[in-house]
Amino acid sequence: MSVGIARIRAEPDVIRKGCIDKGEDPGVVDRALDLDEQVRALRAAYVEDRTQQKAIDRRIGEITREVAIIDKQLHEYLVRLGLEE
């Protein structure tokens, strides 16, 4: 039996009955729903993780720029003190 997951989600009982009527295992409907739930959860976790990763990457960029500015200021200060050239 070949049925799309959207239809299985919308009408699981109808699909189960169809399986039974055709002599097929209705347990495949529950297995498909379980797998669909796992896929949806993994996709949601991926999106959340990716969003966090992008935020962390932005913060790393900000910190890197701040460190470069501070490093330049420190170098200029040390040059004024005659401790660096």
Protein backbone atom coordinates (compact mmCIF):
# COMPACT_ATOMS: atom_id res chain seq x y z
CA MET A 1 0.00 0.00 0.00
CA SER A 2 1.34 3.39 -0.95
CA VAL A 3 -0.20 6.34 0.85
CA GLY A 4 1.33 9.75 1.57
CA ILE A 5 2.20 10.65 5.14
CA ALA A 6 -0.15 13.65 5.05
CA ARG A 7 -3.08 11.34 4.41
CA ILE A 8 -1.90 8.89 7.06
CA ARG A 9 -1.74 11.78 9.54
CA ALA A 10 -5.18 13.03 8.55
CA GLU A 11 -6.97 9.68 8.39
CA PRO A 12 -5.05 6.98 10.24
CA ASP A 13 -8.16 4.95 11.06
CA VAL A 14 -9.32 4.95 7.45
CA ILE A 15 -5.87 3.84 6.30
CA ARG A 16 -5.73 1.10 8.95
CA LYS A 17 -9.11 -0.19 7.81
CA GLY A 18 -7.88 -0.12 4.22
CA CYS A 19 -4.88 -2.21 5.23
CA ILE A 20 -7.10 -4.73 6.98
CA ASP A 21 -9.50 -4.87 4.02
CA LYS A 22 -6.57 -5.63 1.71
CA GLY A 23 -5.08 -8.22 4.05
CA GLU A 24 -2.10 -6.03 4.92
CA ASP A 25 -0.64 -5.31 8.34
CA PRO A 26 -2.36 -2.24 9.83
CA GLY A 27 0.62 -1.83 12.18
CA VAL A 28 2.49 -0.12 9.37
CA VAL A 29 0.22 2.91 9.89
CA ASP A 30 1.35 3.29 13.50
CA ARG A 31 4.96 2.71 12.48
CA ALA A 32 4.66 5.38 9.79
CA LEU A 33 3.15 7.81 12.29
CA ASP A 34 5.91 7.07 14.81
CA LEU A 35 8.62 7.61 12.21
CA ASP A 36 6.90 10.79 11.01
CA GLU A 37 6.87 12.11 14.57
CA GLN A 38 10.58 11.32 14.92
CA VAL A 39 11.39 13.07 11.65
CA ARG A 40 9.40 16.15 12.67
CA ALA A 41 11.12 16.28 16.06
CA LEU A 42 14.55 15.94 14.48
CA ARG A 43 13.79 18.68 11.96
CA ALA A 44 12.62 20.99 14.75
CA ALA A 45 15.75 20.24 16.78
CA TYR A 46 17.92 20.84 13.71
CA VAL A 47 16.31 24.23 13.09
CA GLU A 48 16.73 25.20 16.75
CA ASP A 49 20.36 24.02 16.80
CA ARG A 50 21.09 25.83 13.55
CA THR A 51 19.56 29.05 14.91
CA GLN A 52 21.71 28.78 18.03
CA GLN A 53 24.79 28.04 15.93
CA LYS A 54 24.20 31.15 13.81
CA ALA A 55 23.81 33.29 16.95
CA ILE A 56 27.03 31.87 18.38
CA ASP A 57 28.84 32.48 15.08
CA ARG A 58 27.66 36.11 15.09
CA ARG A 59 28.87 36.56 18.68
CA ILE A 60 32.24 35.02 17.84
CA GLY A 61 32.56 37.54 14.99
CA GLU A 62 31.69 40.42 17.32
CA ILE A 63 34.19 39.29 19.93
CA THR A 64 36.90 38.78 17.30
CA ARG A 65 36.37 42.34 16.05
CA GLU A 66 36.44 43.70 19.62
CA VAL A 67 39.68 41.83 20.34
CA ALA A 68 41.25 43.27 17.17
CA ILE A 69 40.31 46.80 18.25
CA ILE A 70 41.65 46.28 21.77
CA ASP A 71 44.83 44.72 20.39
CA LYS A 72 45.39 47.74 18.14
CA GLN A 73 44.74 50.17 21.02
CA LEU A 74 47.10 48.23 23.28
CA HIS A 75 49.81 48.25 20.62
CA GLU A 76 49.41 52.04 20.15
CA TYR A 77 49.61 52.55 23.91
CA LEU A 78 52.75 50.43 24.22
CA VAL A 79 54.33 52.33 21.31
CA ARG A 80 53.62 55.63 23.11
CA LEU A 81 55.29 54.22 26.22
CA GLY A 82 58.26 53.16 24.13
CA LEU A 83 57.73 49.50 24.95
CA GLU A 84 56.99 48.48 21.36
CA GLU A 85 57.87 49.77 17.95
